[in-house]
Amino acid sequence: MSSRSRRVGTVTAVVALGLGLTFGGGCAHNRMNPTPGVSSLGVSKEYSRNKFATMVNTNLRAARNDGARFWLLDRPSRLNPHPAPY
């Protein structure tokens, strides 16, 4: 193995280690908990979990409705020879 390829391998390892430490540590606490005051006495963990579950449920229902509108499943077919209420 030549010294140039060894040097490139070393530089690559140092850069990968530096990126891993930068993105894996350091600011991870701030990223995972941008509002540390939310878990205070005024807002309980159960309230936060219920609010999150409600948000996920609302978003999934909205996505389902958007998909139905995209595929035109939210209204009856107009190709039907019999009248259909709309």
PDB file of N, CA and C in Angstrom:
ATOM      1  N   MET A   1       0.855  -1.166   0.000  1.00  0.00           N
ATOM      2  CA  MET A   1       0.000   0.000   0.000  1.00  0.00           C
ATOM      3  C   MET A   1       0.904   1.232   0.000  1.00  0.00           C
ATOM      4  N   SER A   2       0.608   2.167  -0.874  1.00  0.00           N
ATOM      5  CA  SER A   2       1.450   3.352  -0.984  1.00  0.00           C
ATOM      6  C   SER A   2       1.124   4.343   0.128  1.00  0.00           C
ATOM      7  N   SER A   3       2.047   5.284   0.317  1.00  0.00           N
ATOM      8  CA  SER A   3       1.839   6.274   1.375  1.00  0.00           C
ATOM      9  C   SER A   3       0.704   7.225   1.019  1.00  0.00           C
ATOM     10  N   ARG A   4       0.473   7.450  -0.275  1.00  0.00           N
ATOM     11  CA  ARG A   4      -0.620   8.349  -0.691  1.00  0.00           C
ATOM     12  C   ARG A   4      -1.975   7.728  -0.354  1.00  0.00           C
ATOM     13  N   SER A   5      -2.167   6.453  -0.654  1.00  0.00           N
ATOM     14  CA  SER A   5      -3.451   5.817  -0.350  1.00  0.00           C
ATOM     15  C   SER A   5      -3.659   5.701   1.158  1.00  0.00           C
ATOM     16  N   ARG A   6      -2.534   5.503   1.905  1.00  0.00           N
ATOM     17  CA  ARG A   6      -2.638   5.451   3.357  1.00  0.00           C
ATOM     18  C   ARG A   6      -3.052   6.820   3.902  1.00  0.00           C
ATOM     19  N   ARG A   7      -2.501   7.885   3.324  1.00  0.00           N
ATOM     20  CA  ARG A   7      -2.827   9.241   3.750  1.00  0.00           C
ATOM     21  C   ARG A   7      -4.293   9.567   3.439  1.00  0.00           C
ATOM     22  N   VAL A   8      -4.754   9.152   2.247  1.00  0.00           N
ATOM     23  CA  VAL A   8      -6.152   9.393   1.880  1.00  0.00           C
ATOM     24  C   VAL A   8      -7.083   8.636   2.823  1.00  0.00           C
ATOM     25  N   GLY A   9      -6.732   7.420   3.160  1.00  0.00           N
ATOM     26  CA  GLY A   9      -7.537   6.641   4.100  1.00  0.00           C
ATOM     27  C   GLY A   9      -7.569   7.276   5.476  1.00  0.00           C
ATOM     28  N   THR A  10      -6.451   7.813   5.923  1.00  0.00           N
ATOM     29  CA  THR A  10      -6.387   8.472   7.221  1.00  0.00           C
ATOM     30  C   THR A  10      -7.230   9.743   7.225  1.00  0.00           C
ATOM     31  N   VAL A  11      -7.110  10.541   6.165  1.00  0.00           N
ATOM     32  CA  VAL A  11      -7.898  11.774   6.071  1.00  0.00           C
ATOM     33  C   VAL A  11      -9.386  11.446   6.038  1.00  0.00           C
ATOM     34  N   THR A  12      -9.764  10.426   5.291  1.00  0.00           N
ATOM     35  CA  THR A  12     -11.169  10.023   5.214  1.00  0.00           C
ATOM     36  C   THR A  12     -11.677   9.580   6.587  1.00  0.00           C
ATOM     37  N   ALA A  13     -10.879   8.837   7.309  1.00  0.00           N
ATOM     38  CA  ALA A  13     -11.283   8.374   8.638  1.00  0.00           C
ATOM     39  C   ALA A  13     -11.427   9.552   9.600  1.00  0.00           C
ATOM     40  N   VAL A  14     -10.510  10.521   9.521  1.00  0.00           N
ATOM     41  CA  VAL A  14     -10.583  11.686  10.417  1.00  0.00           C
ATOM     42  C   VAL A  14     -11.819  12.528  10.100  1.00  0.00           C
ATOM     43  N   VAL A  15     -12.107  12.724   8.812  1.00  0.00           N
ATOM     44  CA  VAL A  15     -13.290  13.502   8.418  1.00  0.00           C
ATOM     45  C   VAL A  15     -14.564  12.784   8.865  1.00  0.00           C
ATOM     46  N   ALA A  16     -14.623  11.462   8.667  1.00  0.00           N
ATOM     47  CA  ALA A  16     -15.805  10.700   9.078  1.00  0.00           C
ATOM     48  C   ALA A  16     -15.972  10.765  10.596  1.00  0.00           C
ATOM     49  N   LEU A  17     -14.898  10.671  11.340  1.00  0.00           N
ATOM     50  CA  LEU A  17     -14.978  10.763  12.790  1.00  0.00           C
ATOM     51  C   LEU A  17     -15.432  12.156  13.219  1.00  0.00           C
ATOM     52  N   GLY A  18     -14.899  13.179  12.576  1.00  0.00           N
ATOM     53  CA  GLY A  18     -15.303  14.548  12.909  1.00  0.00           C
ATOM     54  C   GLY A  18     -16.778  14.792  12.626  1.00  0.00           C
ATOM     55  N   LEU A  19     -17.253  14.324  11.474  1.00  0.00           N
ATOM     56  CA  LEU A  19     -18.675  14.481  11.151  1.00  0.00           C
ATOM     57  C   LEU A  19     -19.550  13.690  12.117  1.00  0.00           C
ATOM     58  N   GLY A  20     -19.117  12.510  12.479  1.00  0.00           N
ATOM     59  CA  GLY A  20     -19.877  11.701  13.428  1.00  0.00           C
ATOM     60  C   GLY A  20     -19.983  12.372  14.783  1.00  0.00           C
ATOM     61  N   LEU A  21     -18.891  12.959  15.247  1.00  0.00           N
ATOM     62  CA  LEU A  21     -18.929  13.657  16.532  1.00  0.00           C
ATOM     63  C   LEU A  21     -19.756  14.935  16.453  1.00  0.00           C
ATOM     64  N   THR A  22     -19.693  15.610  15.305  1.00  0.00           N
ATOM     65  CA  THR A  22     -20.451  16.852  15.161  1.00  0.00           C
ATOM     66  C   THR A  22     -21.944  16.589  15.147  1.00  0.00           C
ATOM     67  N   PHE A  23     -22.364  15.636  14.336  1.00  0.00           N
ATOM     68  CA  PHE A  23     -23.796  15.384  14.193  1.00  0.00           C
ATOM     69  C   PHE A  23     -24.331  14.419  15.249  1.00  0.00           C
ATOM     70  N   GLY A  24     -23.490  13.607  15.823  1.00  0.00           N
ATOM     71  CA  GLY A  24     -23.942  12.638  16.814  1.00  0.00           C
ATOM     72  C   GLY A  24     -23.913  13.156  18.231  1.00  0.00           C
ATOM     73  N   GLY A  25     -23.178  14.165  18.485  1.00  0.00           N
ATOM     74  CA  GLY A  25     -23.072  14.691  19.840  1.00  0.00           C
ATOM     75  C   GLY A  25     -23.272  16.189  19.820  1.00  0.00           C
ATOM     76  N   GLY A  26     -22.659  16.853  20.747  1.00  0.00           N
ATOM     77  CA  GLY A  26     -22.665  18.313  20.744  1.00  0.00           C
ATOM     78  C   GLY A  26     -24.045  18.921  20.842  1.00  0.00           C
ATOM     79  N   CYS A  27     -24.708  19.117  19.739  1.00  0.00           N
ATOM     80  CA  CYS A  27     -25.995  19.819  19.702  1.00  0.00           C
ATOM     81  C   CYS A  27     -27.183  18.865  19.793  1.00  0.00           C
ATOM     82  N   ALA A  28     -26.941  17.600  20.026  1.00  0.00           N
ATOM     83  CA  ALA A  28     -28.041  16.630  20.022  1.00  0.00           C
ATOM     84  C   ALA A  28     -29.077  16.947  21.091  1.00  0.00           C
ATOM     85  N   HIS A  29     -28.646  17.430  22.247  1.00  0.00           N
ATOM     86  CA  HIS A  29     -29.604  17.735  23.313  1.00  0.00           C
ATOM     87  C   HIS A  29     -30.541  18.854  22.877  1.00  0.00           C
ATOM     88  N   ASN A  30     -30.022  19.876  22.255  1.00  0.00           N
ATOM     89  CA  ASN A  30     -30.860  20.984  21.817  1.00  0.00           C
ATOM     90  C   ASN A  30     -31.789  20.575  20.687  1.00  0.00           C
ATOM     91  N   ARG A  31     -31.323  19.712  19.800  1.00  0.00           N
ATOM     92  CA  ARG A  31     -32.162  19.278  18.701  1.00  0.00           C
ATOM     93  C   ARG A  31     -33.314  18.403  19.177  1.00  0.00           C
ATOM     94  N   MET A  32     -33.054  17.530  20.124  1.00  0.00           N
ATOM     95  CA  MET A  32     -34.079  16.604  20.581  1.00  0.00           C
ATOM     96  C   MET A  32     -35.065  17.293  21.524  1.00  0.00           C
ATOM     97  N   ASN A  33     -34.662  18.361  22.166  1.00  0.00           N
ATOM     98  CA  ASN A  33     -35.528  19.039  23.116  1.00  0.00           C
ATOM     99  C   ASN A  33     -35.422  20.553  22.902  1.00  0.00           C
ATOM    100  N   PRO A  34     -36.011  21.072  21.806  1.00  0.00           N
ATOM    101  CA  PRO A  34     -35.866  22.497  21.513  1.00  0.00           C
ATOM    102  C   PRO A  34     -36.608  23.382  22.508  1.00  0.00           C
ATOM    103  N   THR A  35     -37.605  22.872  23.194  1.00  0.00           N
ATOM    104  CA  THR A  35     -38.347  23.650  24.177  1.00  0.00           C
ATOM    105  C   THR A  35     -38.350  22.894  25.498  1.00  0.00           C
ATOM    106  N   PRO A  36     -37.291  23.025  26.286  1.00  0.00           N
ATOM    107  CA  PRO A  36     -37.228  22.257  27.537  1.00  0.00           C
ATOM    108  C   PRO A  36     -38.261  22.696  28.559  1.00  0.00           C
ATOM    109  N   GLY A  37     -38.827  23.887  28.435  1.00  0.00           N
ATOM    110  CA  GLY A  37     -39.803  24.360  29.394  1.00  0.00           C
ATOM    111  C   GLY A  37     -41.180  23.737  29.226  1.00  0.00           C
ATOM    112  N   VAL A  38     -41.405  22.973  28.151  1.00  0.00           N
ATOM    113  CA  VAL A  38     -42.719  22.383  27.903  1.00  0.00           C
ATOM    114  C   VAL A  38     -43.037  21.314  28.946  1.00  0.00           C
ATOM    115  N   SER A  39     -42.047  20.646  29.453  1.00  0.00           N
ATOM    116  CA  SER A  39     -42.279  19.594  30.446  1.00  0.00           C
ATOM    117  C   SER A  39     -42.300  20.179  31.852  1.00  0.00           C
ATOM    118  N   SER A  40     -42.897  21.316  32.012  1.00  0.00           N
ATOM    119  CA  SER A  40     -42.960  21.947  33.325  1.00  0.00           C
ATOM    120  C   SER A  40     -44.205  21.471  34.060  1.00  0.00           C
ATOM    121  N   LEU A  41     -44.493  22.118  35.176  1.00  0.00           N
ATOM    122  CA  LEU A  41     -45.651  21.724  35.965  1.00  0.00           C
ATOM    123  C   LEU A  41     -46.960  22.044  35.246  1.00  0.00           C
ATOM    124  N   GLY A  42     -46.943  23.044  34.366  1.00  0.00           N
ATOM    125  CA  GLY A  42     -48.165  23.431  33.665  1.00  0.00           C
ATOM    126  C   GLY A  42     -48.580  22.449  32.588  1.00  0.00           C
ATOM    127  N   VAL A  43     -47.630  21.746  31.996  1.00  0.00           N
ATOM    128  CA  VAL A  43     -47.925  20.802  30.915  1.00  0.00           C
ATOM    129  C   VAL A  43     -47.355  19.444  31.312  1.00  0.00           C
ATOM    130  N   SER A  44     -48.231  18.462  31.462  1.00  0.00           N
ATOM    131  CA  SER A  44     -47.766  17.141  31.878  1.00  0.00           C
ATOM    132  C   SER A  44     -47.332  16.329  30.668  1.00  0.00           C
ATOM    133  N   LYS A  45     -46.633  15.244  30.932  1.00  0.00           N
ATOM    134  CA  LYS A  45     -46.201  14.361  29.845  1.00  0.00           C
ATOM    135  C   LYS A  45     -47.401  13.711  29.169  1.00  0.00           C
ATOM    136  N   GLU A  46     -48.436  13.375  29.953  1.00  0.00           N
ATOM    137  CA  GLU A  46     -49.628  12.767  29.362  1.00  0.00           C
ATOM    138  C   GLU A  46     -50.306  13.742  28.403  1.00  0.00           C
ATOM    139  N   TYR A  47     -50.373  15.008  28.796  1.00  0.00           N
ATOM    140  CA  TYR A  47     -50.978  16.017  27.927  1.00  0.00           C
ATOM    141  C   TYR A  47     -50.187  16.135  26.625  1.00  0.00           C
ATOM    142  N   SER A  48     -48.859  16.156  26.737  1.00  0.00           N
ATOM    143  CA  SER A  48     -48.019  16.245  25.543  1.00  0.00           C
ATOM    144  C   SER A  48     -48.214  15.024  24.648  1.00  0.00           C
ATOM    145  N   ARG A  49     -48.262  13.838  25.248  1.00  0.00           N
ATOM    146  CA  ARG A  49     -48.461  12.609  24.467  1.00  0.00           C
ATOM    147  C   ARG A  49     -49.834  12.594  23.801  1.00  0.00           C
ATOM    148  N   ASN A  50     -50.872  13.015  24.531  1.00  0.00           N
ATOM    149  CA  ASN A  50     -52.217  13.056  23.945  1.00  0.00           C
ATOM    150  C   ASN A  50     -52.286  14.060  22.804  1.00  0.00           C
ATOM    151  N   LYS A  51     -51.655  15.202  22.987  1.00  0.00           N
ATOM    152  CA  LYS A  51     -51.649  16.215  21.931  1.00  0.00           C
ATOM    153  C   LYS A  51     -50.911  15.699  20.689  1.00  0.00           C
ATOM    154  N   PHE A  52     -49.790  15.007  20.903  1.00  0.00           N
ATOM    155  CA  PHE A  52     -49.041  14.428  19.784  1.00  0.00           C
ATOM    156  C   PHE A  52     -49.856  13.359  19.073  1.00  0.00           C
ATOM    157  N   ALA A  53     -50.539  12.488  19.835  1.00  0.00           N
ATOM    158  CA  ALA A  53     -51.362  11.441  19.223  1.00  0.00           C
ATOM    159  C   ALA A  53     -52.512  12.042  18.438  1.00  0.00           C
ATOM    160  N   THR A  54     -53.108  13.111  18.954  1.00  0.00           N
ATOM    161  CA  THR A  54     -54.189  13.782  18.223  1.00  0.00           C
ATOM    162  C   THR A  54     -53.666  14.387  16.929  1.00  0.00           C
ATOM    163  N   MET A  55     -52.484  14.981  16.978  1.00  0.00           N
ATOM    164  CA  MET A  55     -51.887  15.574  15.786  1.00  0.00           C
ATOM    165  C   MET A  55     -51.592  14.515  14.726  1.00  0.00           C
ATOM    166  N   VAL A  56     -51.027  13.380  15.148  1.00  0.00           N
ATOM    167  CA  VAL A  56     -50.727  12.308  14.195  1.00  0.00           C
ATOM    168  C   VAL A  56     -52.013  11.768  13.587  1.00  0.00           C
ATOM    169  N   ASN A  57     -53.043  11.573  14.412  1.00  0.00           N
ATOM    170  CA  ASN A  57     -54.320  11.070  13.926  1.00  0.00           C
ATOM    171  C   ASN A  57     -54.930  12.039  12.917  1.00  0.00           C
ATOM    172  N   THR A  58     -54.907  13.329  13.217  1.00  0.00           N
ATOM    173  CA  THR A  58     -55.458  14.333  12.307  1.00  0.00           C
ATOM    174  C   THR A  58     -54.691  14.361  10.995  1.00  0.00           C
ATOM    175  N   ASN A  59     -53.375  14.297  11.068  1.00  0.00           N
ATOM    176  CA  ASN A  59     -52.565  14.318   9.847  1.00  0.00           C
ATOM    177  C   ASN A  59     -52.800  13.084   8.986  1.00  0.00           C
ATOM    178  N   LEU A  60     -52.948  11.918   9.615  1.00  0.00           N
ATOM    179  CA  LEU A  60     -53.186  10.704   8.827  1.00  0.00           C
ATOM    180  C   LEU A  60     -54.557  10.734   8.167  1.00  0.00           C
ATOM    181  N   ARG A  61     -55.570  11.246   8.884  1.00  0.00           N
ATOM    182  CA  ARG A  61     -56.895  11.360   8.272  1.00  0.00           C
ATOM    183  C   ARG A  61     -56.872  12.352   7.120  1.00  0.00           C
ATOM    184  N   ALA A  62     -56.144  13.451   7.269  1.00  0.00           N
ATOM    185  CA  ALA A  62     -56.036  14.434   6.191  1.00  0.00           C
ATOM    186  C   ALA A  62     -55.317  13.835   4.986  1.00  0.00           C
ATOM    187  N   ALA A  63     -54.279  13.044   5.221  1.00  0.00           N
ATOM    188  CA  ALA A  63     -53.560  12.407   4.117  1.00  0.00           C
ATOM    189  C   ALA A  63     -54.467  11.423   3.386  1.00  0.00           C
ATOM    190  N   ARG A  64     -55.280  10.679   4.143  1.00  0.00           N
ATOM    191  CA  ARG A  64     -56.220   9.747   3.514  1.00  0.00           C
ATOM    192  C   ARG A  64     -57.244  10.494   2.655  1.00  0.00           C
ATOM    193  N   ASN A  65     -57.750  11.608   3.181  1.00  0.00           N
ATOM    194  CA  ASN A  65     -58.708  12.403   2.405  1.00  0.00           C
ATOM    195  C   ASN A  65     -58.057  12.997   1.164  1.00  0.00           C
ATOM    196  N   ASP A  66     -56.803  13.444   1.282  1.00  0.00           N
ATOM    197  CA  ASP A  66     -56.103  13.984   0.124  1.00  0.00           C
ATOM    198  C   ASP A  66     -55.903  12.906  -0.933  1.00  0.00           C
ATOM    199  N   GLY A  67     -55.584  11.687  -0.497  1.00  0.00           N
ATOM    200  CA  GLY A  67     -55.432  10.587  -1.448  1.00  0.00           C
ATOM    201  C   GLY A  67     -56.746  10.261  -2.133  1.00  0.00           C
ATOM    202  N   ALA A  68     -57.837  10.297  -1.389  1.00  0.00           N
ATOM    203  CA  ALA A  68     -59.149  10.026  -2.002  1.00  0.00           C
ATOM    204  C   ALA A  68     -59.490  11.103  -3.029  1.00  0.00           C
ATOM    205  N   ARG A  69     -59.170  12.357  -2.713  1.00  0.00           N
ATOM    206  CA  ARG A  69     -59.426  13.420  -3.688  1.00  0.00           C
ATOM    207  C   ARG A  69     -58.533  13.272  -4.903  1.00  0.00           C
ATOM    208  N   PHE A  70     -57.282  12.846  -4.709  1.00  0.00           N
ATOM    209  CA  PHE A  70     -56.361  12.684  -5.834  1.00  0.00           C
ATOM    210  C   PHE A  70     -56.857  11.604  -6.789  1.00  0.00           C
ATOM    211  N   TRP A  71     -57.329  10.475  -6.239  1.00  0.00           N
ATOM    212  CA  TRP A  71     -57.808   9.382  -7.079  1.00  0.00           C
ATOM    213  C   TRP A  71     -59.291   9.526  -7.432  1.00  0.00           C
ATOM    214  N   LEU A  72     -59.898  10.659  -7.073  1.00  0.00           N
ATOM    215  CA  LEU A  72     -61.295  10.971  -7.375  1.00  0.00           C
ATOM    216  C   LEU A  72     -62.250   9.944  -6.764  1.00  0.00           C
ATOM    217  N   LEU A  73     -61.943   9.513  -5.543  1.00  0.00           N
ATOM    218  CA  LEU A  73     -62.796   8.563  -4.845  1.00  0.00           C
ATOM    219  C   LEU A  73     -63.734   9.258  -3.865  1.00  0.00           C
ATOM    220  N   ASP A  74     -63.710  10.579  -3.814  1.00  0.00           N
ATOM    221  CA  ASP A  74     -64.530  11.296  -2.854  1.00  0.00           C
ATOM    222  C   ASP A  74     -65.888  11.684  -3.421  1.00  0.00           C
ATOM    223  N   ARG A  75     -66.180  11.268  -4.645  1.00  0.00           N
ATOM    224  CA  ARG A  75     -67.484  11.561  -5.246  1.00  0.00           C
ATOM    225  C   ARG A  75     -67.893  10.382  -6.127  1.00  0.00           C
ATOM    226  N   PRO A  76     -69.166  10.229  -6.384  1.00  0.00           N
ATOM    227  CA  PRO A  76     -69.611   9.110  -7.219  1.00  0.00           C
ATOM    228  C   PRO A  76     -69.166   9.301  -8.658  1.00  0.00           C
ATOM    229  N   SER A  77     -69.117   8.190  -9.369  1.00  0.00           N
ATOM    230  CA  SER A  77     -68.724   8.239 -10.777  1.00  0.00           C
ATOM    231  C   SER A  77     -69.821   8.891 -11.602  1.00  0.00           C
ATOM    232  N   ARG A  78     -69.437   9.687 -12.561  1.00  0.00           N
ATOM    233  CA  ARG A  78     -70.410  10.311 -13.448  1.00  0.00           C
ATOM    234  C   ARG A  78     -70.687   9.472 -14.675  1.00  0.00           C
ATOM    235  N   LEU A  79     -70.027   8.314 -14.741  1.00  0.00           N
ATOM    236  CA  LEU A  79     -70.248   7.394 -15.847  1.00  0.00           C
ATOM    237  C   LEU A  79     -71.403   6.450 -15.578  1.00  0.00           C
ATOM    238  N   ASN A  80     -71.972   6.520 -14.396  1.00  0.00           N
ATOM    239  CA  ASN A  80     -73.066   5.657 -14.001  1.00  0.00           C
ATOM    240  C   ASN A  80     -74.329   6.083 -14.748  1.00  0.00           C
ATOM    241  N   PRO A  81     -75.050   5.149 -15.409  1.00  0.00           N
ATOM    242  CA  PRO A  81     -76.263   5.542 -16.127  1.00  0.00           C
ATOM    243  C   PRO A  81     -77.430   5.898 -15.188  1.00  0.00           C
ATOM    244  N   HIS A  82     -77.368   5.442 -13.956  1.00  0.00           N
ATOM    245  CA  HIS A  82     -78.428   5.735 -12.994  1.00  0.00           C
ATOM    246  C   HIS A  82     -78.041   6.977 -12.198  1.00  0.00           C
ATOM    247  N   PRO A  83     -79.010   7.809 -11.863  1.00  0.00           N
ATOM    248  CA  PRO A  83     -78.661   9.015 -11.091  1.00  0.00           C
ATOM    249  C   PRO A  83     -78.187   8.649  -9.682  1.00  0.00           C
ATOM    250  N   ALA A  84     -77.176   9.337  -9.261  1.00  0.00           N
ATOM    251  CA  ALA A  84     -76.613   9.107  -7.928  1.00  0.00           C
ATOM    252  C   ALA A  84     -76.593  10.447  -7.200  1.00  0.00           C
ATOM    253  N   PRO A  85     -76.985  10.455  -5.956  1.00  0.00           N
ATOM    254  CA  PRO A  85     -76.953  11.735  -5.219  1.00  0.00           C
ATOM    255  C   PRO A  85     -75.515  12.206  -5.009  1.00  0.00           C
ATOM    256  N   TYR A  86     -75.317  13.483  -5.157  1.00  0.00           N
ATOM    257  CA  TYR A  86     -73.988  14.042  -4.932  1.00  0.00           C
ATOM    258  C   TYR A  86     -74.092  15.330  -4.178  1.00  0.00           C
TER     259      TYR A  86
END
